[in-house]
Protein backbone atom coordinates (compact mmCIF):
# COMPACT_ATOMS: atom_id res chain seq x y z
CA MET A 1 0.32 8.68 2.07
CA LEU A 2 -1.95 9.59 -0.79
CA GLY A 3 -4.69 7.35 -2.07
CA ASP A 4 -7.54 5.15 -1.01
CA LEU A 5 -9.53 4.96 2.19
CA ALA A 6 -12.27 2.38 1.74
CA LEU A 7 -14.67 0.12 3.57
CA ASP A 8 -13.65 -3.54 3.35
CA VAL A 9 -16.56 -5.97 3.39
CA VAL A 10 -14.77 -9.24 4.20
CA LEU A 11 -16.60 -12.51 3.50
CA THR A 12 -14.76 -15.50 4.94
CA ALA A 13 -16.31 -18.80 3.88
CA ALA A 14 -16.10 -21.78 6.24
CA ARG A 15 -16.22 -24.20 3.31
CA PRO A 16 -15.90 -23.89 -0.46
CA ILE A 17 -18.40 -21.51 -2.02
CA GLU A 18 -21.17 -23.23 -3.99
CA ALA A 19 -23.04 -21.46 -6.76
CA GLY A 20 -26.73 -20.89 -6.15
CA THR A 21 -26.80 -21.70 -2.43
CA ASP A 22 -25.55 -20.61 1.00
CA VAL A 23 -22.36 -21.49 2.81
CA PRO A 24 -21.61 -20.62 6.44
CA GLY A 25 -18.90 -18.15 7.31
CA ARG A 26 -18.25 -14.71 8.68
CA VAL A 27 -18.93 -11.24 7.29
CA ALA A 28 -16.90 -8.37 8.79
CA LEU A 29 -16.65 -4.63 8.11
CA ARG A 30 -13.09 -3.31 8.38
CA GLN A 31 -11.01 -0.29 7.43
CA GLY A 32 -9.53 -0.87 4.00
CA GLY A 33 -7.61 0.90 1.28
CA SER A 34 -3.92 0.29 0.60
CA ALA A 35 -2.78 3.86 1.33
CA ALA A 36 -4.89 4.01 4.50
CA SER A 37 -3.55 0.70 5.80
CA THR A 38 0.06 1.81 5.33
CA ALA A 39 -0.70 5.14 7.03
CA ARG A 40 -2.33 3.36 9.97
CA TRP A 41 0.60 1.04 10.52
CA LEU A 42 3.13 3.85 10.27
CA ALA A 43 1.22 5.67 13.02
CA ARG A 44 1.05 2.51 15.13
CA LEU A 45 4.81 2.18 14.79
CA GLY A 46 5.34 5.67 16.18
CA CYS A 47 5.78 7.64 12.95
CA ARG A 48 4.04 10.89 12.10
CA SER A 49 1.56 9.80 9.47
CA THR A 50 -0.82 11.73 7.24
CA LEU A 51 -3.32 10.37 4.73
CA VAL A 52 -4.57 12.50 1.85
CA CYS A 53 -7.71 10.94 0.40
CA ALA A 54 -11.24 11.47 -0.89
CA ILE A 55 -14.29 10.03 0.83
CA GLY A 56 -18.02 10.41 0.45
CA ARG A 57 -20.30 12.51 2.59
CA ASP A 58 -21.72 9.38 4.18
CA TRP A 59 -21.59 7.27 7.32
CA ALA A 60 -18.79 5.07 5.93
CA GLY A 61 -16.50 8.05 5.36
CA ARG A 62 -17.15 9.41 8.84
CA VAL A 63 -16.54 6.05 10.55
CA LEU A 64 -13.38 5.31 8.57
CA ALA A 65 -11.86 8.75 9.21
CA LYS A 66 -12.67 8.44 12.91
CA ALA A 67 -10.99 5.02 13.11
CA LEU A 68 -7.80 6.33 11.49
CA ASP A 69 -7.79 9.36 13.76
CA ALA A 70 -7.96 7.01 16.75
CA ASP A 71 -4.81 5.30 15.46
CA GLY A 72 -2.99 8.65 15.29
CA VAL A 73 -3.24 9.29 11.55
CA VAL A 74 -3.86 12.87 10.42
CA VAL A 75 -6.61 12.50 7.81
CA ARG A 76 -6.78 15.12 5.06
CA GLY A 77 -10.08 13.77 3.80
CA ILE A 78 -11.78 15.60 0.95
CA ARG A 79 -15.52 14.89 1.16
CA VAL A 80 -17.00 14.48 -2.31
CA ARG A 81 -20.61 15.42 -2.84
CA GLY A 82 -22.61 12.86 -4.78
CA ALA A 83 -20.09 10.01 -4.49
CA ARG A 84 -20.08 7.38 -1.80
CA THR A 85 -17.00 6.25 0.09
CA GLY A 86 -15.15 3.42 -1.66
CA ARG A 87 -16.11 -0.15 -0.86
CA ILE A 88 -14.08 -3.30 -1.47
CA GLY A 89 -15.63 -6.75 -1.35
CA VAL A 90 -13.04 -9.27 -0.13
CA ILE A 91 -13.96 -12.93 -0.60
CA VAL A 92 -11.73 -15.27 1.39
CA GLU A 93 -12.06 -18.98 0.64
CA PRO A 94 -11.04 -21.72 3.12
CA SER A 95 -7.82 -22.24 1.15
CA GLY A 96 -6.87 -18.63 1.90
CA GLU A 97 -7.30 -17.60 -1.74
CA ARG A 98 -8.71 -14.08 -1.98
CA SER A 99 -10.76 -12.31 -4.61
CA PHE A 100 -11.69 -8.64 -4.67
CA VAL A 101 -14.60 -6.67 -6.04
CA ALA A 102 -13.61 -2.99 -6.15
CA ASP A 103 -16.14 -0.17 -6.01
CA ARG A 104 -13.72 2.72 -5.53
CA GLY A 105 -16.35 5.45 -5.59
CA ALA A 106 -15.10 8.69 -4.03
CA ALA A 107 -11.54 7.34 -3.68
CA ASN A 108 -10.85 8.19 -7.33
CA GLN A 109 -12.34 11.69 -7.08
CA LEU A 110 -9.41 13.47 -5.43
CA ARG A 111 -8.44 16.40 -7.69
CA PRO A 112 -5.21 18.36 -8.17
CA ASP A 113 -6.91 21.51 -6.83
CA ASP A 114 -7.63 19.63 -3.57
CA ILE A 115 -3.91 19.21 -2.85
CA ARG A 116 -2.32 21.77 -0.52
CA GLU A 117 1.39 22.62 -0.57
CA ALA A 118 1.44 23.01 3.22
CA TRP A 119 0.61 19.32 3.67
CA PHE A 120 4.03 18.32 2.31
CA ARG A 121 6.27 20.66 4.26
CA GLY A 122 8.50 18.76 6.64
CA GLN A 123 7.48 15.36 5.29
CA ALA A 124 10.28 12.83 4.91
CA LEU A 125 8.51 10.63 2.39
CA VAL A 126 5.33 10.36 0.33
CA HIS A 127 4.04 6.84 -0.27
CA LEU A 128 1.68 5.85 -3.09
CA PRO A 129 0.02 2.56 -3.98
CA VAL A 130 -0.12 2.23 -7.74
CA TYR A 131 -3.93 2.51 -7.52
CA SER A 132 -3.38 6.25 -7.04
CA LEU A 133 -1.95 6.53 -10.56
CA LEU A 134 -4.49 4.58 -12.59
CA ASP A 135 -7.72 6.59 -12.69
CA GLU A 136 -8.53 10.25 -13.16
CA PRO A 137 -8.76 12.70 -11.52
CA LEU A 138 -6.89 10.87 -8.72
CA ALA A 139 -3.90 10.21 -10.99
CA SER A 140 -3.47 13.93 -11.70
CA ALA A 141 -3.78 14.68 -7.99
CA ALA A 142 -1.06 12.12 -7.31
CA ARG A 143 1.19 13.79 -9.90
CA ARG A 144 0.65 17.12 -8.20
CA ALA A 145 1.50 15.56 -4.86
CA LEU A 146 4.72 14.12 -6.27
CA GLU A 147 5.73 17.58 -7.52
CA LEU A 148 5.11 19.12 -4.10
CA ALA A 149 6.91 16.26 -2.37
CA ARG A 150 10.00 16.74 -4.51
CA ASP A 151 9.92 20.50 -3.98
CA ALA A 152 9.78 19.88 -0.22
CA GLY A 153 12.76 17.50 -0.36
CA ALA A 154 10.72 14.37 0.41
CA LEU A 155 11.47 10.90 -0.89
CA VAL A 156 8.87 8.90 -2.81
CA SER A 157 7.93 5.24 -2.39
CA LEU A 158 5.60 3.29 -4.66
CA ASP A 159 3.88 -0.07 -4.12
CA LEU A 160 2.79 -1.98 -7.22
CA ALA A 161 -0.24 -3.15 -5.16
CA SER A 162 -2.13 -5.23 -7.77
CA ILE A 163 -0.82 -6.51 -11.05
CA GLY A 164 -4.18 -6.80 -12.82
CA PRO A 165 -5.09 -3.08 -12.80
CA LEU A 166 -1.46 -2.10 -13.40
CA LEU A 167 -1.21 -4.17 -16.59
CA ALA A 168 -4.67 -3.26 -17.89
CA GLN A 169 -3.16 -1.01 -20.59
CA GLY A 170 -0.30 -3.40 -21.39
CA ARG A 171 3.16 -3.99 -19.98
CA PRO A 172 5.00 -1.14 -21.78
CA ALA A 173 2.47 1.39 -20.46
CA ALA A 174 2.79 -0.05 -16.96
CA VAL A 175 6.59 0.14 -17.03
CA GLU A 176 6.48 3.74 -18.24
CA LEU A 177 3.93 4.63 -15.56
CA VAL A 178 6.16 3.27 -12.80
CA ARG A 179 9.27 4.89 -14.28
CA SER A 180 7.56 8.28 -14.57
CA THR A 181 7.06 8.55 -10.80
CA GLY A 182 10.81 8.74 -10.20
CA ALA A 183 10.30 6.63 -7.07
CA ASP A 184 13.21 6.30 -4.66
CA ILE A 185 11.95 2.95 -3.41
CA LEU A 186 9.72 0.41 -5.09
CA PHE A 187 7.73 -2.29 -3.27
CA ALA A 188 6.37 -5.34 -5.08
CA THR A 189 5.42 -8.94 -4.48
CA ALA A 190 7.21 -11.61 -6.48
CA VAL A 191 4.11 -12.01 -8.68
CA GLU A 192 3.88 -8.27 -9.30
CA ALA A 193 7.57 -7.99 -10.14
CA ASP A 194 7.33 -10.93 -12.54
CA GLY A 195 4.24 -9.48 -14.22
CA LEU A 196 5.73 -6.03 -14.65
CA LEU A 197 9.04 -7.34 -15.97
CA GLY A 198 7.53 -10.01 -18.22
CA GLY A 199 9.45 -12.81 -16.57
CA ARG A 200 12.83 -11.09 -16.76
CA PRO A 201 15.08 -11.18 -13.66
CA ILE A 202 13.85 -9.01 -10.81
CA GLU A 203 17.05 -6.96 -10.99
CA GLY A 204 15.20 -5.16 -13.79
CA LEU A 205 13.30 -3.27 -11.10
CA LEU A 206 16.47 -1.23 -10.59
CA ASP A 207 15.84 0.35 -13.99
CA LEU A 208 12.77 1.90 -12.36
CA ALA A 209 14.04 2.83 -8.88
CA PRO A 210 17.41 2.82 -7.08
CA LEU A 211 16.02 0.60 -4.32
CA ALA A 212 13.48 -2.19 -4.70
CA VAL A 213 11.99 -4.56 -2.15
CA VAL A 214 10.37 -7.75 -3.38
CA LYS A 215 8.07 -9.29 -0.78
CA GLN A 216 8.37 -13.08 -0.93
CA GLY A 217 5.65 -13.98 1.58
CA SER A 218 6.70 -16.74 3.96
CA LYS A 219 10.10 -16.90 2.21
CA GLY A 220 11.13 -13.43 3.42
CA ALA A 221 12.16 -10.59 1.14
CA THR A 222 14.65 -9.71 -1.58
CA THR A 223 16.20 -6.25 -1.56
CA LEU A 224 17.85 -4.77 -4.65
CA SER A 225 19.91 -1.59 -4.66
CA LEU A 226 22.23 0.44 -6.82
CA ASP A 227 25.66 1.16 -5.38
CA GLY A 228 27.60 3.26 -7.85
CA GLY A 229 27.49 1.19 -11.02
CA SER A 230 26.86 -2.08 -9.21
CA ARG A 231 23.54 -3.82 -8.65
CA LEU A 232 23.38 -5.45 -5.25
CA ARG A 233 20.93 -8.19 -4.26
CA PHE A 234 20.31 -9.47 -0.75
CA GLU A 235 18.03 -12.35 0.23
CA ILE A 236 16.61 -11.82 3.70
CA ALA A 237 15.02 -14.80 5.40
CA THR A 238 12.26 -14.22 7.94
CA PRO A 239 10.30 -16.56 10.21
CA SER A 240 7.50 -18.26 8.32
CA VAL A 241 4.09 -16.64 8.80
CA LEU A 242 0.95 -18.35 7.53
CA ALA A 243 -2.57 -16.94 7.72
CA ALA A 244 -5.93 -17.59 6.11
CA ASP A 245 -6.49 -13.94 5.20
CA THR A 246 -3.43 -11.90 4.22
CA THR A 247 -5.37 -8.76 3.20
CA GLY A 248 -3.41 -5.69 4.26
CA ALA A 249 -0.26 -7.58 5.27
CA GLY A 250 1.73 -6.12 2.38
CA ASP A 251 0.73 -2.60 3.41
CA ALA A 252 1.82 -3.32 6.97
CA PHE A 253 5.15 -4.63 5.63
CA ASP A 254 5.70 -1.37 3.73
CA ALA A 255 5.05 0.61 6.90
CA GLY A 256 7.41 -1.49 9.00
CA PHE A 257 10.16 -1.28 6.38
CA LEU A 258 9.85 2.48 6.01
CA ALA A 259 9.65 3.09 9.77
CA SER A 260 13.01 1.33 10.16
CA TRP A 261 14.70 2.51 6.97
CA LEU A 262 13.90 6.24 6.98
CA PRO A 263 15.68 7.17 10.24
CA SER A 264 18.97 5.71 8.95
CA PRO A 265 21.44 8.34 7.72
CA ALA A 266 21.10 8.70 3.95
CA PRO A 267 24.57 7.29 3.10
CA ARG A 268 23.80 4.10 5.08
CA ARG A 269 20.29 3.37 3.82
CA SER A 270 21.54 1.04 1.08
CA SER A 271 23.86 -0.88 3.38
CA PRO A 272 23.12 -4.61 3.89
CA ALA A 273 22.64 -4.03 7.63
CA ALA A 274 20.08 -1.25 7.16
CA LEU A 275 18.16 -3.21 4.52
CA GLN A 276 18.11 -6.34 6.66
CA ARG A 277 16.83 -4.42 9.68
CA ALA A 278 14.16 -2.77 7.57
CA ALA A 279 13.00 -6.04 5.98
CA LEU A 280 12.78 -7.73 9.37
CA ALA A 281 10.84 -4.74 10.70
CA GLY A 282 8.48 -5.03 7.77
CA HIS A 283 7.99 -8.72 8.50
CA ARG A 284 7.23 -8.00 12.16
CA ALA A 285 4.63 -5.41 11.23
CA ALA A 286 3.00 -7.82 8.77
CA ALA A 287 2.95 -10.56 11.42
CA ARG A 288 1.33 -8.19 13.92
CA HIS A 289 -1.29 -7.38 11.31
CA LEU A 290 -1.98 -11.05 10.58
CA TYR A 291 -1.99 -12.38 14.14
CA GLY A 292 -3.18 -9.36 16.11
CA PRO A 293 -6.82 -8.52 16.77
CA ARG A 294 -8.78 -7.21 13.81
CA PRO A 295 -11.71 -5.42 15.37
CA GLU A 296 -14.64 -4.49 13.22
CA LEU A 297 -15.50 -0.87 12.61
CA GLN A 298 -17.74 0.67 15.24
CA LEU A 299 -20.78 1.98 13.42
CA GLY A 300 -22.30 3.85 16.35
């Protein structure tokens, strides 16, 4: 994984937020960052997992790196002088609707010169959230990582992550950005796919990657793959999962899918059976994330 490791400050309101006054609720400090969450769940699922990231020389960076290490993630954390570790404000309303305030700080300060070739030897896959491609110098570091991954024979997966930042420079630029990664597998929610494609059928994702997984929330997942000249589409139903706060569930899904899909022999990875197993594994990981304990970070 290459990208963000951040401190999530989660504010869960017990009743609708009212301007100019207080509402009761809960405030929690948790490990955040899309790349970090995927790395953590891959490690929890028994995979060898490494996170390449930039953090500040502060208490938040130390605590976050320690928490990931405890989960079995190898953290290649570049400590940036003069920049604080990224912080994300997550506002969760009683309806479950979420809003984010992003202060990415050191997360965007990873540089191409920080990337080491040795980190990519023996890796089966490098995963990026699209956040890693949007701001410099992180975007150039991500490009360097993709070069080293390809040289090492690794696959590349990309998660569209958040449609607002992705479309900030317009849809054509976003499409070209995704295409330029040469991703082998593309993850998106239905909203992200629709936004990127401008309302065109989601099969258009196969113009950007030979395998695409569209996360449909409680409706399951849609997998799209190229088989010779044919475009195959499979709808995979999963048990309904509802939760008030779904932050990080998509990252856990990615990890579960990849943990199941990667060990399959290459010729069978696009088979309906392999894709169904992987989608169900992704769903199980997301459900564990949503319903399992979410302990706060230990600051001591």
